[in-house]
Structures are given as structure tokens and as C-alpha cells.
C-alpha atoms as a PDB file:
ATOM      1  CA  UNK A   1      33.683  22.456 221.278  1.00  0.00           C
ATOM      2  CA  UNK A   2      34.876  21.077 224.731  1.00  0.00           C
ATOM      3  CA  UNK A   3      32.637  21.200 227.181  1.00  0.00           C
ATOM      4  CA  UNK A   4      31.901  18.440 229.751  1.00  0.00           C
ATOM      5  CA  UNK A   5      33.671  16.166 231.738  1.00  0.00           C
ATOM      6  CA  UNK A   6      32.495  14.002 233.802  1.00  0.00           C
ATOM      7  CA  UNK A   7      30.568  16.150 235.589  1.00  0.00           C
ATOM      8  CA  UNK A   8      31.192  18.723 233.065  1.00  0.00           C
ATOM      9  CA  UNK A   9      31.479  18.070 229.429  1.00  0.00           C
ATOM     10  CA  UNK A  10      32.296  21.474 228.437  1.00  0.00           C
ATOM     11  CA  UNK A  11      34.435  23.196 230.759  1.00  0.00           C
ATOM     12  CA  UNK A  12      37.402  21.333 230.539  1.00  0.00           C
ATOM     13  CA  UNK A  13      40.754  21.759 229.273  1.00  0.00           C
ATOM     14  CA  UNK A  14      40.015  20.309 225.941  1.00  0.00           C
ATOM     15  CA  UNK A  15      43.070  19.616 223.973  1.00  0.00           C
ATOM     16  CA  UNK A  16      44.058  18.000 220.765  1.00  0.00           C
ATOM     17  CA  UNK A  17      44.939  14.569 222.035  1.00  0.00           C
ATOM     18  CA  UNK A  18      45.349  12.908 218.691  1.00  0.00           C
ATOM     19  CA  UNK A  19      48.881  12.042 219.735  1.00  0.00           C
ATOM     20  CA  UNK A  20      47.515   9.938 222.574  1.00  0.00           C
ATOM     21  CA  UNK A  21      47.713   6.301 221.504  1.00  0.00           C
ATOM     22  CA  UNK A  22      46.719   4.245 224.540  1.00  0.00           C
ATOM     23  CA  UNK A  23      42.990   4.797 224.370  1.00  0.00           C
ATOM     24  CA  UNK A  24      40.890   2.502 226.546  1.00  0.00           C
ATOM     25  CA  UNK A  25      37.228   1.970 225.753  1.00  0.00           C
ATOM     26  CA  UNK A  26      35.179   3.011 228.802  1.00  0.00           C
ATOM     27  CA  UNK A  27      31.635   3.188 227.509  1.00  0.00           C
ATOM     28  CA  UNK A  28      29.756   2.165 224.371  1.00  0.00           C
ATOM     29  CA  UNK A  29      26.084   2.506 223.562  1.00  0.00           C
ATOM     30  CA  UNK A  30      24.125   2.821 220.327  1.00  0.00           C
ATOM     31  CA  UNK A  31      27.278   3.294 218.277  1.00  0.00           C
ATOM     32  CA  UNK A  32      28.754   5.966 220.545  1.00  0.00           C
ATOM     33  CA  UNK A  33      32.167   4.974 221.875  1.00  0.00           C
ATOM     34  CA  UNK A  34      33.876   6.843 224.721  1.00  0.00           C
ATOM     35  CA  UNK A  35      37.576   6.319 225.386  1.00  0.00           C
ATOM     36  CA  UNK A  36      39.955   7.622 228.034  1.00  0.00           C
ATOM     37  CA  UNK A  37      43.726   7.898 228.107  1.00  0.00           C
ATOM     38  CA  UNK A  38      46.341   8.821 230.659  1.00  0.00           C
ATOM     39  CA  UNK A  39      48.044  12.155 229.945  1.00  0.00           C
ATOM     40  CA  UNK A  40      51.661  12.742 230.841  1.00  0.00           C
ATOM     41  CA  UNK A  41      51.981  15.486 233.439  1.00  0.00           C
ATOM     42  CA  UNK A  42      48.253  15.671 234.203  1.00  0.00           C
ATOM     43  CA  UNK A  43      46.130  14.018 236.871  1.00  0.00           C
ATOM     44  CA  UNK A  44      43.103  14.223 234.592  1.00  0.00           C
ATOM     45  CA  UNK A  45      42.469  11.750 231.811  1.00  0.00           C
ATOM     46  CA  UNK A  46      41.979  12.645 228.172  1.00  0.00           C
ATOM     47  CA  UNK A  47      38.651  11.709 226.587  1.00  0.00           C
ATOM     48  CA  UNK A  48      37.740  10.770 223.033  1.00  0.00           C
ATOM     49  CA  UNK A  49      34.278  10.231 221.604  1.00  0.00           C
ATOM     50  CA  UNK A  50      33.918   8.395 218.295  1.00  0.00           C
ATOM     51  CA  UNK A  51      30.647   7.773 216.489  1.00  0.00           C
ATOM     52  CA  UNK A  52      28.741   7.865 213.219  1.00  0.00           C
ATOM     53  CA  UNK A  53      25.583   9.947 212.961  1.00  0.00           C
ATOM     54  CA  UNK A  54      22.828  10.313 210.421  1.00  0.00           C
ATOM     55  CA  UNK A  55      23.145  13.985 209.578  1.00  0.00           C
ATOM     56  CA  UNK A  56      24.661  16.365 207.064  1.00  0.00           C
ATOM     57  CA  UNK A  57      27.704  18.488 207.774  1.00  0.00           C
ATOM     58  CA  UNK A  58      25.546  21.609 207.792  1.00  0.00           C
ATOM     59  CA  UNK A  59      23.137  20.105 210.298  1.00  0.00           C
ATOM     60  CA  UNK A  60      25.741  19.241 212.911  1.00  0.00           C
ATOM     61  CA  UNK A  61      27.682  22.477 212.443  1.00  0.00           C
ATOM     62  CA  UNK A  62      24.471  24.451 212.885  1.00  0.00           C
ATOM     63  CA  UNK A  63      23.766  22.586 216.127  1.00  0.00           C
ATOM     64  CA  UNK A  64      27.294  23.183 217.453  1.00  0.00           C
ATOM     65  CA  UNK A  65      27.147  26.902 216.611  1.00  0.00           C
ATOM     66  CA  UNK A  66      23.657  27.358 218.041  1.00  0.00           C
ATOM     67  CA  UNK A  67      24.909  28.654 221.366  1.00  0.00           C
ATOM     68  CA  UNK A  68      21.468  29.336 222.800  1.00  0.00           C
ATOM     69  CA  UNK A  69      20.497  25.710 222.266  1.00  0.00           C
ATOM     70  CA  UNK A  70      23.612  24.169 223.854  1.00  0.00           C
ATOM     71  CA  UNK A  71      22.082  23.723 227.346  1.00  0.00           C
ATOM     72  CA  UNK A  72      19.419  21.528 225.746  1.00  0.00           C
ATOM     73  CA  UNK A  73      21.929  18.758 225.034  1.00  0.00           C
ATOM     74  CA  UNK A  74      25.281  19.433 226.715  1.00  0.00           C
ATOM     75  CA  UNK A  75      25.672  17.602 230.013  1.00  0.00           C
ATOM     76  CA  UNK A  76      25.394  19.781 233.122  1.00  0.00           C
ATOM     77  CA  UNK A  77      25.489  22.998 231.100  1.00  0.00           C
ATOM     78  CA  UNK A  78      23.568  25.660 233.013  1.00  0.00           C
ATOM     79  CA  UNK A  79      23.727  28.377 230.381  1.00  0.00           C
ATOM     80  CA  UNK A  80      25.458  29.478 227.192  1.00  0.00           C
ATOM     81  CA  UNK A  81      25.462  33.067 225.961  1.00  0.00           C
ATOM     82  CA  UNK A  82      26.748  34.396 222.658  1.00  0.00           C
ATOM     83  CA  UNK A  83      29.263  37.169 223.306  1.00  0.00           C
ATOM     84  CA  UNK A  84      30.521  38.078 219.850  1.00  0.00           C
ATOM     85  CA  UNK A  85      29.676  36.860 216.352  1.00  0.00           C
ATOM     86  CA  UNK A  86      32.835  37.485 214.319  1.00  0.00           C
ATOM     87  CA  UNK A  87      31.493  35.834 211.162  1.00  0.00           C
ATOM     88  CA  UNK A  88      29.038  33.042 210.296  1.00  0.00           C
ATOM     89  CA  UNK A  89      31.816  30.524 211.056  1.00  0.00           C
ATOM     90  CA  UNK A  90      33.459  32.196 214.054  1.00  0.00           C
ATOM     91  CA  UNK A  91      32.162  33.320 217.434  1.00  0.00           C
ATOM     92  CA  UNK A  92      32.863  33.785 221.140  1.00  0.00           C
ATOM     93  CA  UNK A  93      30.520  32.508 223.833  1.00  0.00           C
ATOM     94  CA  UNK A  94      30.264  32.270 227.620  1.00  0.00           C
ATOM     95  CA  UNK A  95      29.158  29.112 229.415  1.00  0.00           C
ATOM     96  CA  UNK A  96      28.529  28.077 233.012  1.00  0.00           C
ATOM     97  CA  UNK A  97      28.659  24.419 234.033  1.00  0.00           C
ATOM     98  CA  UNK A  98      26.681  23.098 236.993  1.00  0.00           C
ATOM     99  CA  UNK A  99      28.770  21.034 239.401  1.00  0.00           C
ATOM    100  CA  UNK A 100      27.215  19.020 242.249  1.00  0.00           C
ATOM    101  CA  UNK A 101      27.649  20.470 245.748  1.00  0.00           C
ATOM    102  CA  UNK A 102      29.988  21.000 247.504  1.00  0.00           C
ATOM    103  CA  UNK A 103      32.121  21.758 244.436  1.00  0.00           C
ATOM    104  CA  UNK A 104      31.688  25.171 242.804  1.00  0.00           C
ATOM    105  CA  UNK A 105      30.299  25.723 239.324  1.00  0.00           C
ATOM    106  CA  UNK A 106      32.804  26.373 236.552  1.00  0.00           C
ATOM    107  CA  UNK A 107      32.622  28.856 233.696  1.00  0.00           C
ATOM    108  CA  UNK A 108      34.637  29.837 230.665  1.00  0.00           C
ATOM    109  CA  UNK A 109      34.673  31.924 227.513  1.00  0.00           C
ATOM    110  CA  UNK A 110      35.334  29.945 224.344  1.00  0.00           C
ATOM    111  CA  UNK A 111      36.356  30.952 220.845  1.00  0.00           C
ATOM    112  CA  UNK A 112      34.795  28.685 218.224  1.00  0.00           C
ATOM    113  CA  UNK A 113      36.055  28.669 214.650  1.00  0.00           C
ATOM    114  CA  UNK A 114      34.959  26.338 211.876  1.00  0.00           C
ATOM    115  CA  UNK A 115      37.161  25.232 208.972  1.00  0.00           C
ATOM    116  CA  UNK A 116      36.370  22.983 206.010  1.00  0.00           C
ATOM    117  CA  UNK A 117      38.840  21.285 203.702  1.00  0.00           C
ATOM    118  CA  UNK A 118      37.758  22.211 200.183  1.00  0.00           C
ATOM    119  CA  UNK A 119      38.825  18.876 198.726  1.00  0.00           C
ATOM    120  CA  UNK A 120      37.867  16.324 201.380  1.00  0.00           C
ATOM    121  CA  UNK A 121      34.978  18.370 202.854  1.00  0.00           C
ATOM    122  CA  UNK A 122      36.199  17.373 206.332  1.00  0.00           C
ATOM    123  CA  UNK A 123      35.100  19.945 208.914  1.00  0.00           C
ATOM    124  CA  UNK A 124      37.315  20.881 211.850  1.00  0.00           C
ATOM    125  CA  UNK A 125      36.105  22.965 214.772  1.00  0.00           C
ATOM    126  CA  UNK A 126      38.518  24.409 217.319  1.00  0.00           C
ATOM    127  CA  UNK A 127      37.252  25.813 220.615  1.00  0.00           C
ATOM    128  CA  UNK A 128      39.944  27.186 222.927  1.00  0.00           C
ATOM    129  CA  UNK A 129      39.043  28.997 226.113  1.00  0.00           C
ATOM    130  CA  UNK A 130      40.152  32.626 226.066  1.00  0.00           C
ATOM    131  CA  UNK A 131      40.686  35.231 228.789  1.00  0.00           C
ATOM    132  CA  UNK A 132      38.654  38.379 229.215  1.00  0.00           C
ATOM    133  CA  UNK A 133      35.222  39.256 227.821  1.00  0.00           C
ATOM    134  CA  UNK A 134      33.399  38.323 231.053  1.00  0.00           C
ATOM    135  CA  UNK A 135      34.575  39.308 234.560  1.00  0.00           C
ATOM    136  CA  UNK A 136      35.326  36.483 236.986  1.00  0.00           C
ATOM    137  CA  UNK A 137      32.263  35.866 239.170  1.00  0.00           C
ATOM    138  CA  UNK A 138      32.156  35.196 242.903  1.00  0.00           C
ATOM    139  CA  UNK A 139      31.437  31.572 243.719  1.00  0.00           C
ATOM    140  CA  UNK A 140      32.295  30.320 240.213  1.00  0.00           C
ATOM    141  CA  UNK A 141      35.692  28.942 239.209  1.00  0.00           C
ATOM    142  CA  UNK A 142      36.935  30.291 235.879  1.00  0.00           C
ATOM    143  CA  UNK A 143      38.557  27.778 233.517  1.00  0.00           C
ATOM    144  CA  UNK A 144      41.633  29.599 232.268  1.00  0.00           C
ATOM    145  CA  UNK A 145      43.154  27.185 229.772  1.00  0.00           C
ATOM    146  CA  UNK A 146      41.339  24.859 227.402  1.00  0.00           C
ATOM    147  CA  UNK A 147      40.989  24.021 223.751  1.00  0.00           C
ATOM    148  CA  UNK A 148      38.761  21.570 221.987  1.00  0.00           C
ATOM    149  CA  UNK A 149      38.720  19.724 218.723  1.00  0.00           C
ATOM    150  CA  UNK A 150      35.917  18.286 216.615  1.00  0.00           C
ATOM    151  CA  UNK A 151      36.732  16.431 213.391  1.00  0.00           C
ATOM    152  CA  UNK A 152      33.660  15.721 211.264  1.00  0.00           C
ATOM    153  CA  UNK A 153      34.044  13.572 208.165  1.00  0.00           C
ATOM    154  CA  UNK A 154      31.307  13.116 205.548  1.00  0.00           C
ATOM    155  CA  UNK A 155      30.405   9.537 204.652  1.00  0.00           C
ATOM    156  CA  UNK A 156      27.698   8.307 202.291  1.00  0.00           C
ATOM    157  CA  UNK A 157      23.899   8.454 202.526  1.00  0.00           C
ATOM    158  CA  UNK A 158      23.823  11.588 204.680  1.00  0.00           C
ATOM    159  CA  UNK A 159      25.986  10.073 207.384  1.00  0.00           C
ATOM    160  CA  UNK A 160      28.980  11.626 209.111  1.00  0.00           C
ATOM    161  CA  UNK A 161      31.776  10.388 211.332  1.00  0.00           C
ATOM    162  CA  UNK A 162      32.470  12.497 214.414  1.00  0.00           C
ATOM    163  CA  UNK A 163      35.627  12.345 216.527  1.00  0.00           C
ATOM    164  CA  UNK A 164      35.730  14.624 219.557  1.00  0.00           C
ATOM    165  CA  UNK A 165      38.827  14.795 221.769  1.00  0.00           C
ATOM    166  CA  UNK A 166      39.340  16.616 225.022  1.00  0.00           C
ATOM    167  CA  UNK A 167      41.379  16.759 228.197  1.00  0.00           C
ATOM    168  CA  UNK A 168      39.802  17.855 231.444  1.00  0.00           C
ATOM    169  CA  UNK A 169      41.348  20.349 233.804  1.00  0.00           C
ATOM    170  CA  UNK A 170      38.467  22.034 235.644  1.00  0.00           C
ATOM    171  CA  UNK A 171      40.673  24.144 237.896  1.00  0.00           C
ATOM    172  CA  UNK A 172      40.032  24.878 241.545  1.00  0.00           C
ATOM    173  CA  UNK A 173      39.630  22.183 244.151  1.00  0.00           C
ATOM    174  CA  UNK A 174      37.857  19.214 242.645  1.00  0.00           C
ATOM    175  CA  UNK A 175      39.244  15.709 243.201  1.00  0.00           C
ATOM    176  CA  UNK A 176      40.736  14.127 240.109  1.00  0.00           C
ATOM    177  CA  UNK A 177      39.251  10.777 241.130  1.00  0.00           C
ATOM    178  CA  UNK A 178      35.762  12.304 241.022  1.00  0.00           C
ATOM    179  CA  UNK A 179      36.291  13.768 237.580  1.00  0.00           C
ATOM    180  CA  UNK A 180      37.840  10.598 236.210  1.00  0.00           C
ATOM    181  CA  UNK A 181      35.181   8.413 237.807  1.00  0.00           C
ATOM    182  CA  UNK A 182      32.523   9.956 235.589  1.00  0.00           C
ATOM    183  CA  UNK A 183      34.730  10.397 232.543  1.00  0.00           C
ATOM    184  CA  UNK A 184      32.512   8.199 230.377  1.00  0.00           C
ATOM    185  CA  UNK A 185      29.174   9.489 231.678  1.00  0.00           C
ATOM    186  CA  UNK A 186      29.328  13.122 230.594  1.00  0.00           C
ATOM    187  CA  UNK A 187      30.427  12.552 226.985  1.00  0.00           C
ATOM    188  CA  UNK A 188      27.948   9.708 226.504  1.00  0.00           C
ATOM    189  CA  UNK A 189      25.011  11.750 227.769  1.00  0.00           C
ATOM    190  CA  UNK A 190      26.054  14.776 225.734  1.00  0.00           C
ATOM    191  CA  UNK A 191      26.277  12.786 222.523  1.00  0.00           C
ATOM    192  CA  UNK A 192      22.949  11.113 223.234  1.00  0.00           C
ATOM    193  CA  UNK A 193      21.571  14.614 223.620  1.00  0.00           C
ATOM    194  CA  UNK A 194      23.253  15.650 220.382  1.00  0.00           C
ATOM    195  CA  UNK A 195      21.448  12.852 218.547  1.00  0.00           C
ATOM    196  CA  UNK A 196      18.109  14.138 219.800  1.00  0.00           C
ATOM    197  CA  UNK A 197      19.024  17.747 219.045  1.00  0.00           C
ATOM    198  CA  UNK A 198      19.837  16.899 215.424  1.00  0.00           C
ATOM    199  CA  UNK A 199      16.292  15.577 214.955  1.00  0.00           C
ATOM    200  CA  UNK A 200      14.636  18.876 215.885  1.00  0.00           C
ATOM    201  CA  UNK A 201      12.894  20.780 213.064  1.00  0.00           C
ATOM    202  CA  UNK A 202      15.195  23.786 213.409  1.00  0.00           C
ATOM    203  CA  UNK A 203      18.111  21.775 212.024  1.00  0.00           C
ATOM    204  CA  UNK A 204      16.443  19.473 209.499  1.00  0.00           C
ATOM    205  CA  UNK A 205      16.982  21.606 206.399  1.00  0.00           C
ATOM    206  CA  UNK A 206      20.145  23.356 207.511  1.00  0.00           C
ATOM    207  CA  UNK A 207      22.188  25.121 204.857  1.00  0.00           C
ATOM    208  CA  UNK A 208      25.305  27.117 205.721  1.00  0.00           C
ATOM    209  CA  UNK A 209      27.122  29.361 203.261  1.00  0.00           C
ATOM    210  CA  UNK A 210      30.536  28.298 204.557  1.00  0.00           C
ATOM    211  CA  UNK A 211      29.844  24.535 204.515  1.00  0.00           C
ATOM    212  CA  UNK A 212      29.689  22.358 201.420  1.00  0.00           C
ATOM    213  CA  UNK A 213      27.744  19.149 202.046  1.00  0.00           C
END
């Protein structure tokens, strides 16, 4: 699930940046570490968030697939709307990200699909942006190309390790220096929000038929 950036933790060109090796720690608080890395051929930096959370696999997957609840914790997310539920583990949704004036808001349609390794129980969630579904709106810049990656590994005592990687390309006219300046702020605030979201009653006893805790 990509989403964010600096000023937008969701609307970015989120990409699998596992091949990036020169990660530089930019922000760390309460066990949440945010890294950035230069990306060849792009003026926008890649971002990685690494942390351990007290939660089950089902709990965090339920939060990430609860599209209606995303604006409650995702940084600068104005709205999220479910477009199509393909299966319990696959869906399409539309999101609009609020960007400070004078820049225009961004939006995108994402395709989320959840996989779990039967042996290791590691959960992987891909979230590429896809064309169509929602017409381009006046005054909002559509993000055309993006894909995100969550890797969630079960630990012991109901703890999980989360690694989220993304690369920002918000499209339109927004200065790269502005995006990169806040590269650590958006992910940190989103993950702080995620921690609070996981504590809500709606997710406490989560059980998903496609996830084995």
C-alpha cells in the first residue's frame, strides 16, 4: 500500500526498492525507522519504513484492507473509496491526497492484493496504481504509475516486523526538493497513525480466512 510522501504518503510511485542498498536513516521514533535512498534516473528519493509492531498478521492486514478507515491514519489522505472487491484478499480503491496550496491534490486508483507464504507465514501486499475506473478530475493530478510493497513477517508473542518500501513520483508540477524535504515526515506520521489504528476495537479480534496467524 503506497500512499504518502512527504506530503503524501500514498500517492506516490511506490516501487519495490529492495535492490536499493544505500539507505540513509532520516527519522527514528518509538521503534519506527524511516530511511531514504537516491534512485537512479529519478529526482525523487526512495523511502523505506522498518519497524516492529505488537499485532497479529490478521490485525494489520485487516487495517490495510479497511479502505474506509484509511483516512483515519494515512498522512494527508482526504478520502479513500472502495471501487471493486475482487475477493477477500484483493480489491481496487480510489484515493485523493491533500497537498498544501498552491500545489494541486493528487489522486490514484490502486489494486491491492495480499499473498501469504504457506510455510513462513510471511505476508506480502502489492499495491500498484492502475489506469481507468475513475475519470480524471479537474484540478486534481492523477498519479499514473506507482506500485507499493509491504512485507510483514510474524515474530513471537504476537509481534510482527513490517518493512514498507516506496518511491515517490507525484506527477505534475511539484518541486522535488519540497517532496524530498518532508520525506521522513509523512511515513513517520502514517506509521504512528497505524499504531493507533491497530488498537481500535474493530481490529482487536481480527480473523481472516486467507491469513494464518
